[in-house]
């Protein structure tokens, strides 16, 4: 994010450009995108197994508890959809390629930073639980953040170097020097503060010959930011003969441009000198692009203070598109994701790469039918109707572009929306459909019958419906132990509720606590080391993709099924560790023997999903010689066919694999 090389440059001059702060008793505008990435990547979390969301949620909670302890009132502003002008499209694609390489490195046991797929949704759920005020901008949030911070005269917290260019009245605090884990107290009091450092734009400009602040947007676009990366600008850089530096090309470029620009009184004079160094045929186009990009550093017209005070606000860019009011409101409240606005406005979506098997088709292929239904629901929107001409082919009306991973590169693929019944297609009235109709539409998309979910706890209905969809797909190569591990992982929230419930006398509490502690012991090892089991990783990435799109469709339909608590739903280290255990000597039955209530809940979950699983999921697997000997010994000890039948029924109930010898023993019997 931001201007290439600028953040490391200003931090090299931290004593000149930054002011020490004891942050307390203030409002604080937080760049949500920067924050959840920082907390994800700088908290020693495991990133190889698809996300330890509970541990991430703990870090987020501790962060905000530190703010509350210092009487800091946070307001989180999240980025929305991609810029309508497509100025950042090249940058977004470049970042997508970088994430593929990082994911590949992680999958092979190396390092890298890739956010787990649902990290943003988990972050929002924690904000809601902690009652932290937040808003989702319609597109990129930087300008909205600046406008709000200047209106309230309070600092901004981010790691985006673009905030070094904006003229912020109360400064910009970099996350790099925001010591929220190290609270201090004011001398002779019990009042806490967070040690922080605020970037001083005045000091920065003073250092460079009292440079006019108005020159800084031109510096940003010349240096290269997310909006501008023109090869022809290298012609200008070579002609102005910037001074050499031993600290690298980017450092050299930043320092040289700042020194060069400081000679001019205003942007017009400086821009004219830039254009003189370029071929005449390029000057007009370059001038137009540079001026347009410099406007990105002006304050926005959006008044987020209205949203925080009254619950709604006006965004002209969004309103001009003629989108339904309920959609705009849901986007601002984070009840609809940027994925929806990108599909709705741009007809283009990015499918984020996970730590998956790069030799297989990308994990999002499995959830494409769900996305096609989402696209179908979005088709009849004003922004699309205006674009229809008499020459538009029917297939073009249904076309959406998806930027996805192909091998270790990216490709834009065309996907066609599913045409739905007319009463489902009017986006402006979608939220007004009866609950039963919206629920039916969701379950039809997931290919699940409502009766299957009747015995499932409320917060697990959507995840179980998604799991049924996942099992039915020919894309998934799920094995029985994958399903078992997922379902066992879903039990953690009920365990946690039992363990932390009042009433220590409850005998179930002891068993639940022992089981909860045992599950903690089976997590896959954390940190670099052996390679990830890529087949297992890919299967779980497919499941997460199904869950993500199931969540988005559920949100678009105004949550006909309750949204699950993602914090406790999936822990990658746990499910990978459980897979190893279940392939070894452990069984579901032995794990659950400690807690009868957990055993009963597991039965409900397993019975709901097994009817949608392919038959081969339950075929006997090839076993190690030692395990075969143990199981044959078990069969021999059963004695009667009735005993064997009882053991088979019990094993089948928990999804245990049946040894071949026992299978024959039961099949050859004359029992009903």
Foldseek 3Di string as FASTA:
>chain_A
DAFPPPLVLCVVVCVQFKDKDFDAQEEEEEAQVQVLLCLQPVVQDFALQQDLLLVSLVSLVLLVVLRVLRHYAYEYEYFFAADLVCLLVVVVQVVLLVLLVQLQQSQQQHHHRDDRPCSVVLSLVSCVVVVRHYWYDNHGCVLVSQVQCQVRVHEYEGQHCLQLLADHNNFYWYPVFFQSVDWDADPPDRRITTITMGGDNQSVCVVQLVADSQQSLLLRQLSPTSRHDDPQSVLLVVVVPQDDDPPDDSSSSSVRSSNVRSVDRHNVVVLVSSLVSGPPVCSVVVVVSSVVSSCVNHRAPWDCVCCVVPVDTDDPVVVVLVFAPVVVSCNTSVLAHSQLVCCLQVLEGEDHAGSFDLVAAGLLVLQLLLVLQSSQQSLQTSNLVVPDDPPDDPQNSQWGWYWYDRRSHTDIDIDGHDHDDPVSRHLNCLLVPDLVVLVVVLLVSLVADPVLCPVAPQQCSLLLSLLLSLQQTPSAPDALLLVLLLLLLQCLVVLVCLCPPPDPPPPLNVLSVVLNVVLVVLFADRHRDHRQPNSSSSNVSSSVSSSVSSSNSCSSSVNSGDHHNVSRNDRSRSSSSSSVVLLPDDDPCVSCVSHPVSVVNLLSSCVSRPVSHDPVSQAADDHDPVVLVVLVVVVVVQPDLVSLVVVVVVCVSNSHHHDPVSVCSNVPDPDD
